[in-house]
Structures are given as C-alpha cells and as structure tokens.
Amino acid sequence: MKQYVDDPLSYQGMLFGLMVSSGVLQTENVEIMTLHFYAPIYMLLTICDRNPEREKEALKTMEAHIRQFNKLYARDEKNMQNNKRRSQRRAK
C-alpha cells in the first residue's frame, strides 16, 4: 500500500501543489487532482503487470490520459475560460 498508493499520492500531491501555487496548474482541490492523475496510471500499471503484452496499448492510453489531464488543469487563458463556462453551467 505504501509503495504503490500512499507514497506516490503524497509525492505527486506535493508536486501538483507546487505547480498550482506557481500558476502552472489550476484546481480547487489538489488532493482530488492528484487522484485524477494517478488512479488511471495505477490501473494501467496493474494491467501491464498482469498482461505484459498490453504495454503498447497502455502507453498510448497513458499519453492520452496525460494530454487530457493537461487540458483540464493547465492554467492558460483558453482553459480558464472553458473551465469558467463549465462551472457556470454546473451552477445553474
């Protein structure tokens, strides 16, 4: 548990927290952001561990996951406007 869950979440949470405070990423909740990032990676690692022949497929999925994560959390004007519109629609 420590090696595959607690330590990675702690480390990545610290990194994401620094990235949020420096303005690189945006979120209201770093802990949830960290789960959004790491949970799919843990799942893909587990798949590859049990089925090594699926590594190529998992790497493609991981790349798509990281790109989507960046679209959701990157702090730039376009993403900030899109996130603001989504928040406003949810508030209605």
PDB file of N, CA and C in Angstrom:
ATOM      1  N   MET A   1       0.827  -1.192   0.000  1.00  0.00           N
ATOM      2  CA  MET A   1       0.000   0.000   0.000  1.00  0.00           C
ATOM      3  C   MET A   1       0.872   1.257   0.000  1.00  0.00           C
ATOM      4  N   LYS A   2       1.889   1.257   0.835  1.00  0.00           N
ATOM      5  CA  LYS A   2       2.771   2.420   0.931  1.00  0.00           C
ATOM      6  C   LYS A   2       3.491   2.683  -0.390  1.00  0.00           C
ATOM      7  N   GLN A   3       4.028   1.622  -0.994  1.00  0.00           N
ATOM      8  CA  GLN A   3       4.834   1.763  -2.208  1.00  0.00           C
ATOM      9  C   GLN A   3       4.005   2.157  -3.426  1.00  0.00           C
ATOM     10  N   TYR A   4       2.807   1.629  -3.552  1.00  0.00           N
ATOM     11  CA  TYR A   4       2.028   1.838  -4.766  1.00  0.00           C
ATOM     12  C   TYR A   4       0.896   2.847  -4.631  1.00  0.00           C
ATOM     13  N   VAL A   5       0.561   3.251  -3.415  1.00  0.00           N
ATOM     14  CA  VAL A   5      -0.544   4.197  -3.246  1.00  0.00           C
ATOM     15  C   VAL A   5      -0.113   5.399  -2.403  1.00  0.00           C
ATOM     16  N   ASP A   6       0.207   5.171  -1.151  1.00  0.00           N
ATOM     17  CA  ASP A   6       0.466   6.287  -0.233  1.00  0.00           C
ATOM     18  C   ASP A   6       1.628   7.180  -0.674  1.00  0.00           C
ATOM     19  N   ASP A   7       2.779   6.580  -0.953  1.00  0.00           N
ATOM     20  CA  ASP A   7       3.944   7.388  -1.336  1.00  0.00           C
ATOM     21  C   ASP A   7       3.749   8.113  -2.673  1.00  0.00           C
ATOM     22  N   PRO A   8       3.259   7.426  -3.726  1.00  0.00           N
ATOM     23  CA  PRO A   8       3.051   8.150  -4.986  1.00  0.00           C
ATOM     24  C   PRO A   8       2.041   9.292  -4.854  1.00  0.00           C
ATOM     25  N   LEU A   9       0.951   9.067  -4.127  1.00  0.00           N
ATOM     26  CA  LEU A   9      -0.041  10.130  -3.957  1.00  0.00           C
ATOM     27  C   LEU A   9       0.530  11.298  -3.172  1.00  0.00           C
ATOM     28  N   SER A  10       1.309  10.999  -2.147  1.00  0.00           N
ATOM     29  CA  SER A  10       1.927  12.053  -1.346  1.00  0.00           C
ATOM     30  C   SER A  10       2.908  12.875  -2.185  1.00  0.00           C
ATOM     31  N   TYR A  11       3.766  12.198  -2.912  1.00  0.00           N
ATOM     32  CA  TYR A  11       4.774  12.870  -3.728  1.00  0.00           C
ATOM     33  C   TYR A  11       4.128  13.687  -4.846  1.00  0.00           C
ATOM     34  N   GLN A  12       3.229  13.062  -5.584  1.00  0.00           N
ATOM     35  CA  GLN A  12       2.570  13.773  -6.683  1.00  0.00           C
ATOM     36  C   GLN A  12       1.709  14.918  -6.170  1.00  0.00           C
ATOM     37  N   GLY A  13       1.062  14.731  -5.026  1.00  0.00           N
ATOM     38  CA  GLY A  13       0.278  15.805  -4.438  1.00  0.00           C
ATOM     39  C   GLY A  13       1.142  17.007  -4.095  1.00  0.00           C
ATOM     40  N   MET A  14       2.343  16.738  -3.574  1.00  0.00           N
ATOM     41  CA  MET A  14       3.261  17.830  -3.270  1.00  0.00           C
ATOM     42  C   MET A  14       3.669  18.553  -4.553  1.00  0.00           C
ATOM     43  N   LEU A  15       4.009  17.780  -5.594  1.00  0.00           N
ATOM     44  CA  LEU A  15       4.401  18.393  -6.869  1.00  0.00           C
ATOM     45  C   LEU A  15       3.264  19.210  -7.469  1.00  0.00           C
ATOM     46  N   PHE A  16       2.068  18.644  -7.492  1.00  0.00           N
ATOM     47  CA  PHE A  16       0.927  19.377  -8.049  1.00  0.00           C
ATOM     48  C   PHE A  16       0.618  20.618  -7.225  1.00  0.00           C
ATOM     49  N   GLY A  17       0.754  20.520  -5.908  1.00  0.00           N
ATOM     50  CA  GLY A  17       0.545  21.686  -5.057  1.00  0.00           C
ATOM     51  C   GLY A  17       1.507  22.808  -5.402  1.00  0.00           C
ATOM     52  N   LEU A  18       2.773  22.460  -5.625  1.00  0.00           N
ATOM     53  CA  LEU A  18       3.761  23.463  -6.033  1.00  0.00           C
ATOM     54  C   LEU A  18       3.421  24.046  -7.398  1.00  0.00           C
ATOM     55  N   MET A  19       2.954  23.200  -8.314  1.00  0.00           N
ATOM     56  CA  MET A  19       2.605  23.674  -9.651  1.00  0.00           C
ATOM     57  C   MET A  19       1.378  24.581  -9.619  1.00  0.00           C
ATOM     58  N   VAL A  20       0.446  24.296  -8.724  1.00  0.00           N
ATOM     59  CA  VAL A  20      -0.727  25.168  -8.572  1.00  0.00           C
ATOM     60  C   VAL A  20      -0.304  26.501  -7.973  1.00  0.00           C
ATOM     61  N   SER A  21       0.488  26.458  -6.921  1.00  0.00           N
ATOM     62  CA  SER A  21       0.895  27.707  -6.266  1.00  0.00           C
ATOM     63  C   SER A  21       1.784  28.567  -7.159  1.00  0.00           C
ATOM     64  N   SER A  22       2.492  27.944  -8.115  1.00  0.00           N
ATOM     65  CA  SER A  22       3.322  28.722  -9.031  1.00  0.00           C
ATOM     66  C   SER A  22       2.560  29.150 -10.281  1.00  0.00           C
ATOM     67  N   GLY A  23       1.302  28.745 -10.402  1.00  0.00           N
ATOM     68  CA  GLY A  23       0.481  29.187 -11.521  1.00  0.00           C
ATOM     69  C   GLY A  23       0.548  28.333 -12.765  1.00  0.00           C
ATOM     70  N   VAL A  24       1.206  27.187 -12.699  1.00  0.00           N
ATOM     71  CA  VAL A  24       1.298  26.304 -13.865  1.00  0.00           C
ATOM     72  C   VAL A  24       0.005  25.517 -14.055  1.00  0.00           C
ATOM     73  N   LEU A  25      -0.567  25.042 -12.949  1.00  0.00           N
ATOM     74  CA  LEU A  25      -1.817  24.294 -12.975  1.00  0.00           C
ATOM     75  C   LEU A  25      -2.860  25.033 -12.149  1.00  0.00           C
ATOM     76  N   GLN A  26      -4.122  24.660 -12.373  1.00  0.00           N
ATOM     77  CA  GLN A  26      -5.206  25.262 -11.605  1.00  0.00           C
ATOM     78  C   GLN A  26      -6.149  24.177 -11.085  1.00  0.00           C
ATOM     79  N   THR A  27      -6.576  24.333  -9.860  1.00  0.00           N
ATOM     80  CA  THR A  27      -7.555  23.425  -9.271  1.00  0.00           C
ATOM     81  C   THR A  27      -8.066  24.033  -7.975  1.00  0.00           C
ATOM     82  N   GLU A  28      -9.204  23.554  -7.554  1.00  0.00           N
ATOM     83  CA  GLU A  28      -9.731  23.943  -6.248  1.00  0.00           C
ATOM     84  C   GLU A  28      -9.336  22.937  -5.183  1.00  0.00           C
ATOM     85  N   ASN A  29      -8.880  21.739  -5.622  1.00  0.00           N
ATOM     86  CA  ASN A  29      -8.589  20.675  -4.671  1.00  0.00           C
ATOM     87  C   ASN A  29      -7.423  19.825  -5.196  1.00  0.00           C
ATOM     88  N   VAL A  30      -6.238  20.052  -4.667  1.00  0.00           N
ATOM     89  CA  VAL A  30      -5.035  19.348  -5.133  1.00  0.00           C
ATOM     90  C   VAL A  30      -5.146  17.847  -4.868  1.00  0.00           C
ATOM     91  N   GLU A  31      -5.757  17.464  -3.771  1.00  0.00           N
ATOM     92  CA  GLU A  31      -5.884  16.038  -3.454  1.00  0.00           C
ATOM     93  C   GLU A  31      -6.705  15.311  -4.522  1.00  0.00           C
ATOM     94  N   ILE A  32      -7.805  15.898  -4.939  1.00  0.00           N
ATOM     95  CA  ILE A  32      -8.637  15.289  -5.984  1.00  0.00           C
ATOM     96  C   ILE A  32      -7.904  15.313  -7.321  1.00  0.00           C
ATOM     97  N   MET A  33      -7.212  16.414  -7.613  1.00  0.00           N
ATOM     98  CA  MET A  33      -6.417  16.490  -8.841  1.00  0.00           C
ATOM     99  C   MET A  33      -5.401  15.354  -8.879  1.00  0.00           C
ATOM    100  N   THR A  34      -4.764  15.096  -7.761  1.00  0.00           N
ATOM    101  CA  THR A  34      -3.764  14.033  -7.682  1.00  0.00           C
ATOM    102  C   THR A  34      -4.405  12.674  -7.937  1.00  0.00           C
ATOM    103  N   LEU A  35      -5.578  12.445  -7.375  1.00  0.00           N
ATOM    104  CA  LEU A  35      -6.292  11.190  -7.638  1.00  0.00           C
ATOM    105  C   LEU A  35      -6.662  11.082  -9.116  1.00  0.00           C
ATOM    106  N   HIS A  36      -7.118  12.180  -9.708  1.00  0.00           N
ATOM    107  CA  HIS A  36      -7.457  12.174 -11.134  1.00  0.00           C
ATOM    108  C   HIS A  36      -6.255  11.763 -11.967  1.00  0.00           C
ATOM    109  N   PHE A  37      -5.083  12.219 -11.576  1.00  0.00           N
ATOM    110  CA  PHE A  37      -3.875  11.894 -12.329  1.00  0.00           C
ATOM    111  C   PHE A  37      -3.433  10.456 -12.084  1.00  0.00           C
ATOM    112  N   TYR A  38      -3.332  10.060 -10.834  1.00  0.00           N
ATOM    113  CA  TYR A  38      -2.661   8.808 -10.502  1.00  0.00           C
ATOM    114  C   TYR A  38      -3.524   7.555 -10.653  1.00  0.00           C
ATOM    115  N   ALA A  39      -4.798   7.643 -10.394  1.00  0.00           N
ATOM    116  CA  ALA A  39      -5.637   6.440 -10.435  1.00  0.00           C
ATOM    117  C   ALA A  39      -5.572   5.729 -11.795  1.00  0.00           C
ATOM    118  N   PRO A  40      -5.702   6.433 -12.913  1.00  0.00           N
ATOM    119  CA  PRO A  40      -5.584   5.728 -14.194  1.00  0.00           C
ATOM    120  C   PRO A  40      -4.186   5.152 -14.433  1.00  0.00           C
ATOM    121  N   ILE A  41      -3.168   5.848 -13.966  1.00  0.00           N
ATOM    122  CA  ILE A  41      -1.806   5.339 -14.138  1.00  0.00           C
ATOM    123  C   ILE A  41      -1.620   4.055 -13.330  1.00  0.00           C
ATOM    124  N   TYR A  42      -2.119   4.043 -12.115  1.00  0.00           N
ATOM    125  CA  TYR A  42      -2.039   2.832 -11.292  1.00  0.00           C
ATOM    126  C   TYR A  42      -2.776   1.678 -11.975  1.00  0.00           C
ATOM    127  N   MET A  43      -3.942   1.972 -12.529  1.00  0.00           N
ATOM    128  CA  MET A  43      -4.713   0.936 -13.220  1.00  0.00           C
ATOM    129  C   MET A  43      -3.927   0.398 -14.418  1.00  0.00           C
ATOM    130  N   LEU A  44      -3.325   1.297 -15.206  1.00  0.00           N
ATOM    131  CA  LEU A  44      -2.556   0.865 -16.371  1.00  0.00           C
ATOM    132  C   LEU A  44      -1.324   0.052 -15.964  1.00  0.00           C
ATOM    133  N   LEU A  45      -0.674   0.450 -14.884  1.00  0.00           N
ATOM    134  CA  LEU A  45       0.458  -0.333 -14.378  1.00  0.00           C
ATOM    135  C   LEU A  45       0.020  -1.731 -13.958  1.00  0.00           C
ATOM    136  N   THR A  46      -1.124  -1.805 -13.328  1.00  0.00           N
ATOM    137  CA  THR A  46      -1.656  -3.095 -12.896  1.00  0.00           C
ATOM    138  C   THR A  46      -1.969  -3.979 -14.099  1.00  0.00           C
ATOM    139  N   ILE A  47      -2.557  -3.387 -15.135  1.00  0.00           N
ATOM    140  CA  ILE A  47      -2.849  -4.142 -16.358  1.00  0.00           C
ATOM    141  C   ILE A  47      -1.561  -4.691 -16.955  1.00  0.00           C
ATOM    142  N   CYS A  48      -0.540  -3.830 -17.067  1.00  0.00           N
ATOM    143  CA  CYS A  48       0.733  -4.273 -17.657  1.00  0.00           C
ATOM    144  C   CYS A  48       1.431  -5.319 -16.800  1.00  0.00           C
ATOM    145  N   ASP A  49       1.285  -5.193 -15.508  1.00  0.00           N
ATOM    146  CA  ASP A  49       1.900  -6.165 -14.606  1.00  0.00           C
ATOM    147  C   ASP A  49       1.296  -7.546 -14.822  1.00  0.00           C
ATOM    148  N   ARG A  50       0.000  -7.593 -15.056  1.00  0.00           N
ATOM    149  CA  ARG A  50      -0.685  -8.879 -15.220  1.00  0.00           C
ATOM    150  C   ARG A  50      -0.681  -9.365 -16.663  1.00  0.00           C
ATOM    151  N   ASN A  51      -0.620  -8.417 -17.600  1.00  0.00           N
ATOM    152  CA  ASN A  51      -0.632  -8.753 -19.023  1.00  0.00           C
ATOM    153  C   ASN A  51       0.424  -7.927 -19.750  1.00  0.00           C
ATOM    154  N   PRO A  52       1.686  -8.310 -19.679  1.00  0.00           N
ATOM    155  CA  PRO A  52       2.758  -7.515 -20.284  1.00  0.00           C
ATOM    156  C   PRO A  52       2.564  -7.237 -21.778  1.00  0.00           C
ATOM    157  N   GLU A  53       1.845  -8.099 -22.459  1.00  0.00           N
ATOM    158  CA  GLU A  53       1.611  -7.898 -23.893  1.00  0.00           C
ATOM    159  C   GLU A  53       0.731  -6.675 -24.177  1.00  0.00           C
ATOM    160  N   ARG A  54       0.108  -6.121 -23.156  1.00  0.00           N
ATOM    161  CA  ARG A  54      -0.746  -4.939 -23.334  1.00  0.00           C
ATOM    162  C   ARG A  54       0.001  -3.622 -23.095  1.00  0.00           C
ATOM    163  N   GLU A  55       1.314  -3.691 -22.959  1.00  0.00           N
ATOM    164  CA  GLU A  55       2.099  -2.495 -22.662  1.00  0.00           C
ATOM    165  C   GLU A  55       1.952  -1.409 -23.730  1.00  0.00           C
ATOM    166  N   LYS A  56       2.034  -1.765 -24.979  1.00  0.00           N
ATOM    167  CA  LYS A  56       1.939  -0.778 -26.064  1.00  0.00           C
ATOM    168  C   LYS A  56       0.594  -0.036 -26.003  1.00  0.00           C
ATOM    169  N   GLU A  57      -0.466  -0.786 -25.826  1.00  0.00           N
ATOM    170  CA  GLU A  57      -1.813  -0.203 -25.693  1.00  0.00           C
ATOM    171  C   GLU A  57      -1.885   0.710 -24.462  1.00  0.00           C
ATOM    172  N   ALA A  58      -1.308   0.269 -23.358  1.00  0.00           N
ATOM    173  CA  ALA A  58      -1.338   1.047 -22.116  1.00  0.00           C
ATOM    174  C   ALA A  58      -0.556   2.351 -22.266  1.00  0.00           C
ATOM    175  N   LEU A  59       0.562   2.309 -22.973  1.00  0.00           N
ATOM    176  CA  LEU A  59       1.343   3.532 -23.183  1.00  0.00           C
ATOM    177  C   LEU A  59       0.570   4.557 -24.012  1.00  0.00           C
ATOM    178  N   LYS A  60      -0.165   4.101 -25.014  1.00  0.00           N
ATOM    179  CA  LYS A  60      -0.997   5.012 -25.809  1.00  0.00           C
ATOM    180  C   LYS A  60      -2.087   5.626 -24.940  1.00  0.00           C
ATOM    181  N   THR A  61      -2.700   4.797 -24.114  1.00  0.00           N
ATOM    182  CA  THR A  61      -3.742   5.290 -23.213  1.00  0.00           C
ATOM    183  C   THR A  61      -3.166   6.273 -22.209  1.00  0.00           C
ATOM    184  N   MET A  62      -1.972   5.978 -21.687  1.00  0.00           N
ATOM    185  CA  MET A  62      -1.352   6.874 -20.719  1.00  0.00           C
ATOM    186  C   MET A  62      -1.042   8.233 -21.351  1.00  0.00           C
ATOM    187  N   GLU A  63      -0.551   8.231 -22.567  1.00  0.00           N
ATOM    188  CA  GLU A  63      -0.277   9.505 -23.245  1.00  0.00           C
ATOM    189  C   GLU A  63      -1.565  10.312 -23.416  1.00  0.00           C
ATOM    190  N   ALA A  64      -2.638   9.651 -23.831  1.00  0.00           N
ATOM    191  CA  ALA A  64      -3.924  10.338 -23.983  1.00  0.00           C
ATOM    192  C   ALA A  64      -4.414  10.862 -22.640  1.00  0.00           C
ATOM    193  N   HIS A  65      -4.215  10.075 -21.586  1.00  0.00           N
ATOM    194  CA  HIS A  65      -4.618  10.491 -20.238  1.00  0.00           C
ATOM    195  C   HIS A  65      -3.871  11.752 -19.818  1.00  0.00           C
ATOM    196  N   ILE A  66      -2.568  11.785 -20.024  1.00  0.00           N
ATOM    197  CA  ILE A  66      -1.761  12.942 -19.615  1.00  0.00           C
ATOM    198  C   ILE A  66      -2.159  14.178 -20.417  1.00  0.00           C
ATOM    199  N   ARG A  67      -2.416  14.014 -21.702  1.00  0.00           N
ATOM    200  CA  ARG A  67      -2.859  15.150 -22.524  1.00  0.00           C
ATOM    201  C   ARG A  67      -4.210  15.683 -22.036  1.00  0.00           C
ATOM    202  N   GLN A  68      -5.131  14.780 -21.713  1.00  0.00           N
ATOM    203  CA  GLN A  68      -6.441  15.203 -21.210  1.00  0.00           C
ATOM    204  C   GLN A  68      -6.309  15.890 -19.853  1.00  0.00           C
ATOM    205  N   PHE A  69      -5.466  15.345 -18.995  1.00  0.00           N
ATOM    206  CA  PHE A  69      -5.218  15.947 -17.688  1.00  0.00           C
ATOM    207  C   PHE A  69      -4.721  17.378 -17.858  1.00  0.00           C
ATOM    208  N   ASN A  70      -3.806  17.576 -18.779  1.00  0.00           N
ATOM    209  CA  ASN A  70      -3.269  18.909 -19.039  1.00  0.00           C
ATOM    210  C   ASN A  70      -4.364  19.850 -19.533  1.00  0.00           C
ATOM    211  N   LYS A  71      -5.232  19.368 -20.400  1.00  0.00           N
ATOM    212  CA  LYS A  71      -6.340  20.206 -20.881  1.00  0.00           C
ATOM    213  C   LYS A  71      -7.259  20.624 -19.738  1.00  0.00           C
ATOM    214  N   LEU A  72      -7.454  19.729 -18.790  1.00  0.00           N
ATOM    215  CA  LEU A  72      -8.348  20.019 -17.662  1.00  0.00           C
ATOM    216  C   LEU A  72      -7.729  20.967 -16.647  1.00  0.00           C
ATOM    217  N   TYR A  73      -6.432  20.827 -16.385  1.00  0.00           N
ATOM    218  CA  TYR A  73      -5.826  21.529 -15.264  1.00  0.00           C
ATOM    219  C   TYR A  73      -4.791  22.597 -15.629  1.00  0.00           C
ATOM    220  N   ALA A  74      -4.372  22.671 -16.887  1.00  0.00           N
ATOM    221  CA  ALA A  74      -3.370  23.671 -17.258  1.00  0.00           C
ATOM    222  C   ALA A  74      -3.946  25.068 -17.090  1.00  0.00           C
ATOM    223  N   ARG A  75      -3.114  25.975 -16.609  1.00  0.00           N
ATOM    224  CA  ARG A  75      -3.552  27.355 -16.410  1.00  0.00           C
ATOM    225  C   ARG A  75      -3.128  28.165 -17.630  1.00  0.00           C
ATOM    226  N   ASP A  76      -4.074  28.329 -18.534  1.00  0.00           N
ATOM    227  CA  ASP A  76      -3.894  29.268 -19.625  1.00  0.00           C
ATOM    228  C   ASP A  76      -5.243  29.904 -19.906  1.00  0.00           C
ATOM    229  N   GLU A  77      -5.264  30.955 -20.637  1.00  0.00           N
ATOM    230  CA  GLU A  77      -6.494  31.716 -20.829  1.00  0.00           C
ATOM    231  C   GLU A  77      -7.617  30.882 -21.424  1.00  0.00           C
ATOM    232  N   LYS A  78      -7.324  30.117 -22.461  1.00  0.00           N
ATOM    233  CA  LYS A  78      -8.361  29.324 -23.109  1.00  0.00           C
ATOM    234  C   LYS A  78      -8.958  28.315 -22.138  1.00  0.00           C
ATOM    235  N   ASN A  79      -8.102  27.567 -21.418  1.00  0.00           N
ATOM    236  CA  ASN A  79      -8.602  26.585 -20.461  1.00  0.00           C
ATOM    237  C   ASN A  79      -9.339  27.259 -19.311  1.00  0.00           C
ATOM    238  N   MET A  80      -8.841  28.402 -18.853  1.00  0.00           N
ATOM    239  CA  MET A  80      -9.510  29.100 -17.758  1.00  0.00           C
ATOM    240  C   MET A  80     -10.913  29.519 -18.183  1.00  0.00           C
ATOM    241  N   GLN A  81     -11.079  30.002 -19.406  1.00  0.00           N
ATOM    242  CA  GLN A  81     -12.393  30.405 -19.888  1.00  0.00           C
ATOM    243  C   GLN A  81     -13.313  29.195 -20.029  1.00  0.00           C
ATOM    244  N   ASN A  82     -12.804  28.086 -20.578  1.00  0.00           N
ATOM    245  CA  ASN A  82     -13.611  26.874 -20.708  1.00  0.00           C
ATOM    246  C   ASN A  82     -14.041  26.343 -19.354  1.00  0.00           C
ATOM    247  N   ASN A  83     -13.118  26.309 -18.388  1.00  0.00           N
ATOM    248  CA  ASN A  83     -13.455  25.835 -17.045  1.00  0.00           C
ATOM    249  C   ASN A  83     -14.467  26.754 -16.375  1.00  0.00           C
ATOM    250  N   LYS A  84     -14.347  28.058 -16.602  1.00  0.00           N
ATOM    251  CA  LYS A  84     -15.283  29.015 -16.024  1.00  0.00           C
ATOM    252  C   LYS A  84     -16.677  28.778 -16.590  1.00  0.00           C
ATOM    253  N   ARG A  85     -16.776  28.565 -17.904  1.00  0.00           N
ATOM    254  CA  ARG A  85     -18.078  28.303 -18.522  1.00  0.00           C
ATOM    255  C   ARG A  85     -18.690  27.016 -17.989  1.00  0.00           C
ATOM    256  N   ARG A  86     -17.856  25.975 -17.842  1.00  0.00           N
ATOM    257  CA  ARG A  86     -18.361  24.709 -17.285  1.00  0.00           C
ATOM    258  C   ARG A  86     -18.879  24.901 -15.871  1.00  0.00           C
ATOM    259  N   SER A  87     -18.126  25.656 -15.067  1.00  0.00           N
ATOM    260  CA  SER A  87     -18.549  25.914 -13.683  1.00  0.00           C
ATOM    261  C   SER A  87     -19.853  26.673 -13.648  1.00  0.00           C
ATOM    262  N   GLN A  88     -20.006  27.653 -14.528  1.00  0.00           N
ATOM    263  CA  GLN A  88     -21.240  28.438 -14.576  1.00  0.00           C
ATOM    264  C   GLN A  88     -22.416  27.571 -14.987  1.00  0.00           C
ATOM    265  N   ARG A  89     -22.211  26.673 -15.954  1.00  0.00           N
ATOM    266  CA  ARG A  89     -23.298  25.782 -16.373  1.00  0.00           C
ATOM    267  C   ARG A  89     -23.693  24.839 -15.237  1.00  0.00           C
ATOM    268  N   ARG A  90     -22.696  24.338 -14.490  1.00  0.00           N
ATOM    269  CA  ARG A  90     -22.996  23.438 -13.358  1.00  0.00           C
ATOM    270  C   ARG A  90     -23.740  24.181 -12.253  1.00  0.00           C
ATOM    271  N   ALA A  91     -23.456  25.445 -12.082  1.00  0.00           N
ATOM    272  CA  ALA A  91     -24.080  26.223 -11.014  1.00  0.00           C
ATOM    273  C   ALA A  91     -25.562  26.492 -11.296  1.00  0.00           C
ATOM    274  N   LYS A  92     -25.942  26.438 -12.568  1.00  0.00           N
ATOM    275  CA  LYS A  92     -27.345  26.726 -12.948  1.00  0.00           C
ATOM    276  C   LYS A  92     -28.255  25.623 -12.615  1.00  0.00           C
TER     277      LYS A  92
END
